[in-house]
């Protein structure tokens, strides 16, 4: 049983160091992807806009990563907890404190989604890998089109797609944050500010969308995607909830 059950979700940061060790299928493709992420960080390009250009490669690499996690029986939650502990120690050194706090916010949001998957009794250790291999043959842009055409509830489809976009943005931003705090890429203070905005906006959307999709429970709210249409004010309220949840998550 994989206690830290993988999904088509943010997995690269906890795998970054693992993929560098030994001879495995992730090492070279992840190295190539990280080089592109770091190149974007070091540039003056708009992070959300140009980060989106990485999604086809990112999607294919996610599928490869999930297959590797399942094959190697990796406890992803354990690695996320270890990573969070390291970030907390670094935060105490009073260097890049805001970025580190935002990275922990994102990591806790991700772990909450892992908990939602586990809570639904999904055992991915025995899953059929054939659908993953099929997904690995298509580009993310094709997956987006198939999702929008295949899901009758268009509001649900757009929220699911928005959640996936946010998770991919969050993943890229976390990798960029890791490059900054470990001095892999030298950037200006204004670039770190732009990275913080990119990471926080992605994490807020990710956490709010996960509540709307019913992956994690929305406190004291009985509304899910089964209720159509979704009230606009409630959607905005969920985004505020994700923002306000920063302190609660970091106190865990």
C-alpha atoms as a PDB file:
ATOM      1  CA  UNK A   1       0.000   0.000   0.000  1.00  0.00           C
ATOM      2  CA  UNK A   2       1.338   3.405  -0.888  1.00  0.00           C
ATOM      3  CA  UNK A   3       0.609   5.533   2.153  1.00  0.00           C
ATOM      4  CA  UNK A   4       1.487   8.630   0.155  1.00  0.00           C
ATOM      5  CA  UNK A   5      -0.763   7.784  -2.779  1.00  0.00           C
ATOM      6  CA  UNK A   6       0.236   9.501  -6.026  1.00  0.00           C
ATOM      7  CA  UNK A   7      -2.226  11.217  -8.308  1.00  0.00           C
ATOM      8  CA  UNK A   8      -1.780  13.354 -11.406  1.00  0.00           C
ATOM      9  CA  UNK A   9      -0.569  15.951  -8.978  1.00  0.00           C
ATOM     10  CA  UNK A  10       2.531  17.768  -7.754  1.00  0.00           C
ATOM     11  CA  UNK A  11       5.233  15.153  -7.131  1.00  0.00           C
ATOM     12  CA  UNK A  12       8.513  16.499  -8.509  1.00  0.00           C
ATOM     13  CA  UNK A  13       9.902  18.349  -5.488  1.00  0.00           C
ATOM     14  CA  UNK A  14       9.977  15.351  -3.095  1.00  0.00           C
ATOM     15  CA  UNK A  15      11.384  13.246  -5.963  1.00  0.00           C
ATOM     16  CA  UNK A  16      14.060  15.751  -6.972  1.00  0.00           C
ATOM     17  CA  UNK A  17      16.833  14.366  -4.772  1.00  0.00           C
ATOM     18  CA  UNK A  18      15.677  10.761  -5.123  1.00  0.00           C
ATOM     19  CA  UNK A  19      15.809  10.946  -8.907  1.00  0.00           C
ATOM     20  CA  UNK A  20      19.465  12.030  -8.766  1.00  0.00           C
ATOM     21  CA  UNK A  21      20.484   8.840  -6.998  1.00  0.00           C
ATOM     22  CA  UNK A  22      21.304   5.702  -8.921  1.00  0.00           C
ATOM     23  CA  UNK A  23      20.186   4.692 -12.361  1.00  0.00           C
ATOM     24  CA  UNK A  24      16.443   5.232 -12.724  1.00  0.00           C
ATOM     25  CA  UNK A  25      13.999   6.249 -15.426  1.00  0.00           C
ATOM     26  CA  UNK A  26      13.435   9.719 -13.948  1.00  0.00           C
ATOM     27  CA  UNK A  27      17.003  10.959 -13.710  1.00  0.00           C
ATOM     28  CA  UNK A  28      17.613  12.267 -17.224  1.00  0.00           C
ATOM     29  CA  UNK A  29      14.109  13.573 -18.114  1.00  0.00           C
ATOM     30  CA  UNK A  30      13.781  15.302 -14.728  1.00  0.00           C
ATOM     31  CA  UNK A  31      17.236  16.859 -15.130  1.00  0.00           C
ATOM     32  CA  UNK A  32      16.181  18.234 -18.520  1.00  0.00           C
ATOM     33  CA  UNK A  33      12.933  19.620 -17.105  1.00  0.00           C
ATOM     34  CA  UNK A  34      14.675  21.206 -14.112  1.00  0.00           C
ATOM     35  CA  UNK A  35      17.098  22.960 -16.459  1.00  0.00           C
ATOM     36  CA  UNK A  36      14.153  24.575 -18.268  1.00  0.00           C
ATOM     37  CA  UNK A  37      12.505  25.554 -14.986  1.00  0.00           C
ATOM     38  CA  UNK A  38      15.707  27.161 -13.717  1.00  0.00           C
ATOM     39  CA  UNK A  39      16.257  28.924 -17.035  1.00  0.00           C
ATOM     40  CA  UNK A  40      12.791  30.473 -16.787  1.00  0.00           C
ATOM     41  CA  UNK A  41      13.440  31.512 -13.180  1.00  0.00           C
ATOM     42  CA  UNK A  42      16.711  33.203 -14.142  1.00  0.00           C
ATOM     43  CA  UNK A  43      15.050  35.105 -16.986  1.00  0.00           C
ATOM     44  CA  UNK A  44      12.798  38.153 -16.850  1.00  0.00           C
ATOM     45  CA  UNK A  45       9.862  36.322 -18.401  1.00  0.00           C
ATOM     46  CA  UNK A  46       6.418  36.254 -16.804  1.00  0.00           C
ATOM     47  CA  UNK A  47       6.347  33.149 -14.625  1.00  0.00           C
ATOM     48  CA  UNK A  48       2.665  32.088 -14.947  1.00  0.00           C
ATOM     49  CA  UNK A  49       2.566  32.766 -18.686  1.00  0.00           C
ATOM     50  CA  UNK A  50       5.788  31.001 -19.617  1.00  0.00           C
ATOM     51  CA  UNK A  51       5.422  28.275 -16.984  1.00  0.00           C
ATOM     52  CA  UNK A  52       2.325  27.168 -18.890  1.00  0.00           C
ATOM     53  CA  UNK A  53       4.514  26.438 -21.924  1.00  0.00           C
ATOM     54  CA  UNK A  54       6.155  23.628 -19.931  1.00  0.00           C
ATOM     55  CA  UNK A  55       2.929  21.700 -19.335  1.00  0.00           C
ATOM     56  CA  UNK A  56       3.166  19.159 -22.163  1.00  0.00           C
ATOM     57  CA  UNK A  57       6.604  18.022 -20.980  1.00  0.00           C
ATOM     58  CA  UNK A  58       5.546  18.320 -17.336  1.00  0.00           C
ATOM     59  CA  UNK A  59       2.465  16.147 -17.892  1.00  0.00           C
ATOM     60  CA  UNK A  60       4.464  13.398 -19.610  1.00  0.00           C
ATOM     61  CA  UNK A  61       7.062  13.505 -16.843  1.00  0.00           C
ATOM     62  CA  UNK A  62       4.364  13.271 -14.176  1.00  0.00           C
ATOM     63  CA  UNK A  63       3.041  10.079 -15.736  1.00  0.00           C
ATOM     64  CA  UNK A  64       6.562   8.659 -15.804  1.00  0.00           C
ATOM     65  CA  UNK A  65       7.078   9.713 -12.172  1.00  0.00           C
ATOM     66  CA  UNK A  66       3.841   8.083 -11.009  1.00  0.00           C
ATOM     67  CA  UNK A  67       4.758   4.817 -12.743  1.00  0.00           C
ATOM     68  CA  UNK A  68       8.149   4.947 -11.000  1.00  0.00           C
ATOM     69  CA  UNK A  69       6.575   5.672  -7.602  1.00  0.00           C
ATOM     70  CA  UNK A  70       4.275   2.675  -7.957  1.00  0.00           C
ATOM     71  CA  UNK A  71       7.008   0.348  -9.235  1.00  0.00           C
ATOM     72  CA  UNK A  72       9.424   1.314  -6.439  1.00  0.00           C
ATOM     73  CA  UNK A  73       6.675   1.316  -3.773  1.00  0.00           C
ATOM     74  CA  UNK A  74       7.678   4.798  -2.600  1.00  0.00           C
ATOM     75  CA  UNK A  75       5.923   6.352   0.379  1.00  0.00           C
ATOM     76  CA  UNK A  76       5.455   9.850  -1.021  1.00  0.00           C
ATOM     77  CA  UNK A  77       3.853  11.217   2.141  1.00  0.00           C
ATOM     78  CA  UNK A  78       6.896  10.221   4.187  1.00  0.00           C
ATOM     79  CA  UNK A  79       9.177  12.090   1.794  1.00  0.00           C
ATOM     80  CA  UNK A  80       6.888  15.142   1.875  1.00  0.00           C
ATOM     81  CA  UNK A  81       7.007  15.149   5.682  1.00  0.00           C
ATOM     82  CA  UNK A  82      10.804  14.948   5.623  1.00  0.00           C
ATOM     83  CA  UNK A  83      10.933  17.793   3.129  1.00  0.00           C
ATOM     84  CA  UNK A  84       8.593  19.913   5.253  1.00  0.00           C
ATOM     85  CA  UNK A  85      10.806  19.341   8.305  1.00  0.00           C
ATOM     86  CA  UNK A  86      13.877  20.511   6.349  1.00  0.00           C
ATOM     87  CA  UNK A  87      12.054  23.606   5.126  1.00  0.00           C
ATOM     88  CA  UNK A  88      10.973  24.396   8.681  1.00  0.00           C
ATOM     89  CA  UNK A  89      14.576  24.158   9.883  1.00  0.00           C
ATOM     90  CA  UNK A  90      15.710  26.487   7.095  1.00  0.00           C
ATOM     91  CA  UNK A  91      12.914  28.927   7.938  1.00  0.00           C
ATOM     92  CA  UNK A  92      14.361  29.273  11.435  1.00  0.00           C
ATOM     93  CA  UNK A  93      17.582  30.627   9.917  1.00  0.00           C
ATOM     94  CA  UNK A  94      15.679  33.798   8.881  1.00  0.00           C
ATOM     95  CA  UNK A  95      16.773  33.639   5.236  1.00  0.00           C
ATOM     96  CA  UNK A  96      14.107  33.625   2.537  1.00  0.00           C
ATOM     97  CA  UNK A  97      11.536  33.263   5.318  1.00  0.00           C
ATOM     98  CA  UNK A  98       8.552  34.352   3.216  1.00  0.00           C
ATOM     99  CA  UNK A  99       9.434  32.036   0.358  1.00  0.00           C
ATOM    100  CA  UNK A 100       9.991  29.127   2.750  1.00  0.00           C
ATOM    101  CA  UNK A 101       6.650  29.778   4.481  1.00  0.00           C
ATOM    102  CA  UNK A 102       4.896  29.837   1.112  1.00  0.00           C
ATOM    103  CA  UNK A 103       6.618  26.614   0.064  1.00  0.00           C
ATOM    104  CA  UNK A 104       5.424  24.940   3.262  1.00  0.00           C
ATOM    105  CA  UNK A 105       1.923  26.295   2.628  1.00  0.00           C
ATOM    106  CA  UNK A 106       1.984  24.624  -0.802  1.00  0.00           C
ATOM    107  CA  UNK A 107       3.435  21.399   0.565  1.00  0.00           C
ATOM    108  CA  UNK A 108       0.751  21.160   3.255  1.00  0.00           C
ATOM    109  CA  UNK A 109      -1.971  21.795   0.684  1.00  0.00           C
ATOM    110  CA  UNK A 110      -0.522  18.962  -1.373  1.00  0.00           C
ATOM    111  CA  UNK A 111      -0.390  16.621   1.641  1.00  0.00           C
ATOM    112  CA  UNK A 112      -4.009  17.456   2.438  1.00  0.00           C
ATOM    113  CA  UNK A 113      -4.956  16.316  -1.069  1.00  0.00           C
ATOM    114  CA  UNK A 114      -2.929  13.113  -0.561  1.00  0.00           C
ATOM    115  CA  UNK A 115      -4.948  12.579   2.615  1.00  0.00           C
ATOM    116  CA  UNK A 116      -8.180  13.077   0.683  1.00  0.00           C
ATOM    117  CA  UNK A 117      -7.137  10.420  -1.832  1.00  0.00           C
ATOM    118  CA  UNK A 118      -6.168   7.996   0.916  1.00  0.00           C
ATOM    119  CA  UNK A 119      -9.412   8.733   2.778  1.00  0.00           C
ATOM    120  CA  UNK A 120     -11.427   7.595  -0.231  1.00  0.00           C
ATOM    121  CA  UNK A 121      -9.855   4.109   0.122  1.00  0.00           C
ATOM    122  CA  UNK A 122      -8.011   4.291  -3.185  1.00  0.00           C
ATOM    123  CA  UNK A 123      -5.220   1.704  -3.219  1.00  0.00           C
ATOM    124  CA  UNK A 124      -2.905   2.642  -6.062  1.00  0.00           C
ATOM    125  CA  UNK A 125      -0.344  -0.037  -5.240  1.00  0.00           C
ATOM    126  CA  UNK A 126      -2.465  -2.536  -7.175  1.00  0.00           C
ATOM    127  CA  UNK A 127      -3.612  -0.201  -9.912  1.00  0.00           C
ATOM    128  CA  UNK A 128      -3.516  -1.132 -13.585  1.00  0.00           C
ATOM    129  CA  UNK A 129      -0.646   0.791 -15.184  1.00  0.00           C
ATOM    130  CA  UNK A 130      -2.127   0.523 -18.684  1.00  0.00           C
ATOM    131  CA  UNK A 131      -4.187   3.765 -18.443  1.00  0.00           C
ATOM    132  CA  UNK A 132      -1.059   5.611 -17.266  1.00  0.00           C
ATOM    133  CA  UNK A 133       0.884   4.359 -20.269  1.00  0.00           C
ATOM    134  CA  UNK A 134      -1.935   5.545 -22.544  1.00  0.00           C
ATOM    135  CA  UNK A 135      -1.882   8.983 -20.910  1.00  0.00           C
ATOM    136  CA  UNK A 136       1.871   9.091 -21.410  1.00  0.00           C
ATOM    137  CA  UNK A 137       1.352   8.920 -25.178  1.00  0.00           C
ATOM    138  CA  UNK A 138      -0.660  12.132 -25.415  1.00  0.00           C
ATOM    139  CA  UNK A 139       0.174  15.779 -24.861  1.00  0.00           C
ATOM    140  CA  UNK A 140      -1.415  17.735 -22.042  1.00  0.00           C
ATOM    141  CA  UNK A 141      -3.159  19.991 -24.562  1.00  0.00           C
ATOM    142  CA  UNK A 142      -4.834  16.869 -25.996  1.00  0.00           C
ATOM    143  CA  UNK A 143      -5.787  15.753 -22.496  1.00  0.00           C
ATOM    144  CA  UNK A 144      -7.356  19.157 -21.853  1.00  0.00           C
ATOM    145  CA  UNK A 145      -9.489  18.907 -25.003  1.00  0.00           C
ATOM    146  CA  UNK A 146     -10.563  15.348 -24.196  1.00  0.00           C
ATOM    147  CA  UNK A 147     -11.548  16.365 -20.681  1.00  0.00           C
ATOM    148  CA  UNK A 148     -13.653  19.316 -21.836  1.00  0.00           C
ATOM    149  CA  UNK A 149     -15.384  17.183 -24.463  1.00  0.00           C
ATOM    150  CA  UNK A 150     -15.833  14.111 -22.286  1.00  0.00           C
ATOM    151  CA  UNK A 151     -17.256  15.615 -19.083  1.00  0.00           C
ATOM    152  CA  UNK A 152     -20.935  16.587 -19.482  1.00  0.00           C
ATOM    153  CA  UNK A 153     -20.833  18.996 -16.532  1.00  0.00           C
ATOM    154  CA  UNK A 154     -18.752  21.777 -18.074  1.00  0.00           C
ATOM    155  CA  UNK A 155     -18.477  23.653 -14.794  1.00  0.00           C
ATOM    156  CA  UNK A 156     -17.019  20.553 -13.169  1.00  0.00           C
ATOM    157  CA  UNK A 157     -14.680  20.034 -16.130  1.00  0.00           C
ATOM    158  CA  UNK A 158     -13.354  23.606 -15.924  1.00  0.00           C
ATOM    159  CA  UNK A 159     -12.829  23.364 -12.156  1.00  0.00           C
ATOM    160  CA  UNK A 160     -10.971  20.066 -12.569  1.00  0.00           C
ATOM    161  CA  UNK A 161      -8.849  21.572 -15.331  1.00  0.00           C
ATOM    162  CA  UNK A 162      -8.216  24.685 -13.228  1.00  0.00           C
ATOM    163  CA  UNK A 163      -7.112  22.451 -10.348  1.00  0.00           C
ATOM    164  CA  UNK A 164      -4.674  20.624 -12.626  1.00  0.00           C
ATOM    165  CA  UNK A 165      -3.320  23.915 -14.018  1.00  0.00           C
ATOM    166  CA  UNK A 166      -2.851  25.201 -10.468  1.00  0.00           C
ATOM    167  CA  UNK A 167      -1.111  21.995  -9.372  1.00  0.00           C
ATOM    168  CA  UNK A 168       1.295  22.246 -12.312  1.00  0.00           C
ATOM    169  CA  UNK A 169       1.999  25.916 -11.599  1.00  0.00           C
ATOM    170  CA  UNK A 170       2.499  25.079  -7.927  1.00  0.00           C
ATOM    171  CA  UNK A 171       4.903  22.301  -8.848  1.00  0.00           C
ATOM    172  CA  UNK A 172       6.997  24.570 -11.073  1.00  0.00           C
ATOM    173  CA  UNK A 173       6.988  27.296  -8.417  1.00  0.00           C
ATOM    174  CA  UNK A 174       8.083  24.812  -5.727  1.00  0.00           C
ATOM    175  CA  UNK A 175      10.973  23.656  -7.904  1.00  0.00           C
ATOM    176  CA  UNK A 176      11.935  27.285  -8.465  1.00  0.00           C
ATOM    177  CA  UNK A 177      11.734  27.970  -4.743  1.00  0.00           C
ATOM    178  CA  UNK A 178      13.972  24.991  -4.075  1.00  0.00           C
ATOM    179  CA  UNK A 179      16.507  26.352  -6.572  1.00  0.00           C
ATOM    180  CA  UNK A 180      16.480  29.741  -4.805  1.00  0.00           C
ATOM    181  CA  UNK A 181      16.839  28.498  -1.222  1.00  0.00           C
ATOM    182  CA  UNK A 182      19.646  26.114  -2.217  1.00  0.00           C
ATOM    183  CA  UNK A 183      21.486  28.789  -4.253  1.00  0.00           C
ATOM    184  CA  UNK A 184      21.158  26.825  -7.485  1.00  0.00           C
ATOM    185  CA  UNK A 185      19.927  29.972  -9.242  1.00  0.00           C
ATOM    186  CA  UNK A 186      20.870  33.526  -8.243  1.00  0.00           C
ATOM    187  CA  UNK A 187      17.927  35.921  -8.579  1.00  0.00           C
ATOM    188  CA  UNK A 188      17.054  39.446  -7.472  1.00  0.00           C
ATOM    189  CA  UNK A 189      14.718  40.303  -4.607  1.00  0.00           C
ATOM    190  CA  UNK A 190      12.076  41.465  -7.096  1.00  0.00           C
ATOM    191  CA  UNK A 191      12.264  38.088  -8.862  1.00  0.00           C
ATOM    192  CA  UNK A 192      11.742  36.312  -5.529  1.00  0.00           C
ATOM    193  CA  UNK A 193       8.703  38.538  -4.976  1.00  0.00           C
ATOM    194  CA  UNK A 194       7.334  37.489  -8.376  1.00  0.00           C
ATOM    195  CA  UNK A 195       7.976  33.847  -7.475  1.00  0.00           C
ATOM    196  CA  UNK A 196       6.117  34.262  -4.177  1.00  0.00           C
ATOM    197  CA  UNK A 197       3.088  35.685  -5.989  1.00  0.00           C
ATOM    198  CA  UNK A 198       3.191  32.858  -8.523  1.00  0.00           C
ATOM    199  CA  UNK A 199       3.396  30.193  -5.805  1.00  0.00           C
ATOM    200  CA  UNK A 200       0.742  31.658  -3.509  1.00  0.00           C
ATOM    201  CA  UNK A 201      -1.796  32.263  -6.287  1.00  0.00           C
ATOM    202  CA  UNK A 202      -1.312  28.709  -7.586  1.00  0.00           C
ATOM    203  CA  UNK A 203      -1.605  27.202  -4.106  1.00  0.00           C
ATOM    204  CA  UNK A 204      -4.745  29.163  -3.242  1.00  0.00           C
ATOM    205  CA  UNK A 205      -6.438  28.046  -6.441  1.00  0.00           C
ATOM    206  CA  UNK A 206      -5.229  24.471  -5.947  1.00  0.00           C
ATOM    207  CA  UNK A 207      -6.555  24.243  -2.385  1.00  0.00           C
ATOM    208  CA  UNK A 208      -9.875  25.939  -3.174  1.00  0.00           C
ATOM    209  CA  UNK A 209     -10.458  23.753  -6.243  1.00  0.00           C
ATOM    210  CA  UNK A 210      -9.699  20.600  -4.252  1.00  0.00           C
ATOM    211  CA  UNK A 211     -12.511  21.591  -1.877  1.00  0.00           C
ATOM    212  CA  UNK A 212     -14.889  22.299  -4.741  1.00  0.00           C
ATOM    213  CA  UNK A 213     -14.087  18.913  -6.274  1.00  0.00           C
ATOM    214  CA  UNK A 214     -14.729  17.173  -2.972  1.00  0.00           C
ATOM    215  CA  UNK A 215     -11.170  15.812  -2.752  1.00  0.00           C
ATOM    216  CA  UNK A 216     -10.859  17.427   0.666  1.00  0.00           C
ATOM    217  CA  UNK A 217     -13.811  18.498   2.821  1.00  0.00           C
ATOM    218  CA  UNK A 218     -14.978  22.093   2.900  1.00  0.00           C
ATOM    219  CA  UNK A 219     -15.534  23.019   6.577  1.00  0.00           C
ATOM    220  CA  UNK A 220     -19.210  23.517   7.473  1.00  0.00           C
ATOM    221  CA  UNK A 221     -20.203  23.681   3.811  1.00  0.00           C
ATOM    222  CA  UNK A 222     -22.331  21.030   2.155  1.00  0.00           C
ATOM    223  CA  UNK A 223     -21.920  22.310  -1.393  1.00  0.00           C
ATOM    224  CA  UNK A 224     -19.927  20.253  -3.904  1.00  0.00           C
ATOM    225  CA  UNK A 225     -19.965  19.832  -7.641  1.00  0.00           C
ATOM    226  CA  UNK A 226     -23.266  17.971  -7.314  1.00  0.00           C
ATOM    227  CA  UNK A 227     -24.921  21.341  -6.800  1.00  0.00           C
ATOM    228  CA  UNK A 228     -25.309  23.222 -10.089  1.00  0.00           C
ATOM    229  CA  UNK A 229     -24.500  25.947 -10.702  1.00  0.00           C
ATOM    230  CA  UNK A 230     -21.837  26.662  -8.092  1.00  0.00           C
ATOM    231  CA  UNK A 231     -22.433  30.009  -6.371  1.00  0.00           C
ATOM    232  CA  UNK A 232     -19.799  32.532  -7.413  1.00  0.00           C
ATOM    233  CA  UNK A 233     -19.535  33.926  -3.895  1.00  0.00           C
ATOM    234  CA  UNK A 234     -18.887  30.471  -2.495  1.00  0.00           C
ATOM    235  CA  UNK A 235     -16.074  29.906  -4.987  1.00  0.00           C
ATOM    236  CA  UNK A 236     -14.526  33.217  -3.928  1.00  0.00           C
ATOM    237  CA  UNK A 237     -15.046  32.259  -0.312  1.00  0.00           C
ATOM    238  CA  UNK A 238     -13.171  29.014  -0.789  1.00  0.00           C
ATOM    239  CA  UNK A 239     -10.206  30.881  -2.232  1.00  0.00           C
ATOM    240  CA  UNK A 240     -10.235  33.151   0.810  1.00  0.00           C
ATOM    241  CA  UNK A 241     -10.451  30.057   2.996  1.00  0.00           C
ATOM    242  CA  UNK A 242      -7.334  28.638   1.370  1.00  0.00           C
ATOM    243  CA  UNK A 243      -5.527  31.907   2.052  1.00  0.00           C
ATOM    244  CA  UNK A 244      -6.670  32.002   5.669  1.00  0.00           C
ATOM    245  CA  UNK A 245      -5.668  28.388   6.130  1.00  0.00           C
ATOM    246  CA  UNK A 246      -1.966  29.226   5.876  1.00  0.00           C
ATOM    247  CA  UNK A 247      -1.500  29.567   9.627  1.00  0.00           C
ATOM    248  CA  UNK A 248      -3.593  26.492  10.385  1.00  0.00           C
ATOM    249  CA  UNK A 249      -1.601  24.293   7.998  1.00  0.00           C
ATOM    250  CA  UNK A 250       1.760  25.544   9.246  1.00  0.00           C
ATOM    251  CA  UNK A 251       0.765  24.847  12.869  1.00  0.00           C
ATOM    252  CA  UNK A 252       0.423  21.107  12.152  1.00  0.00           C
END
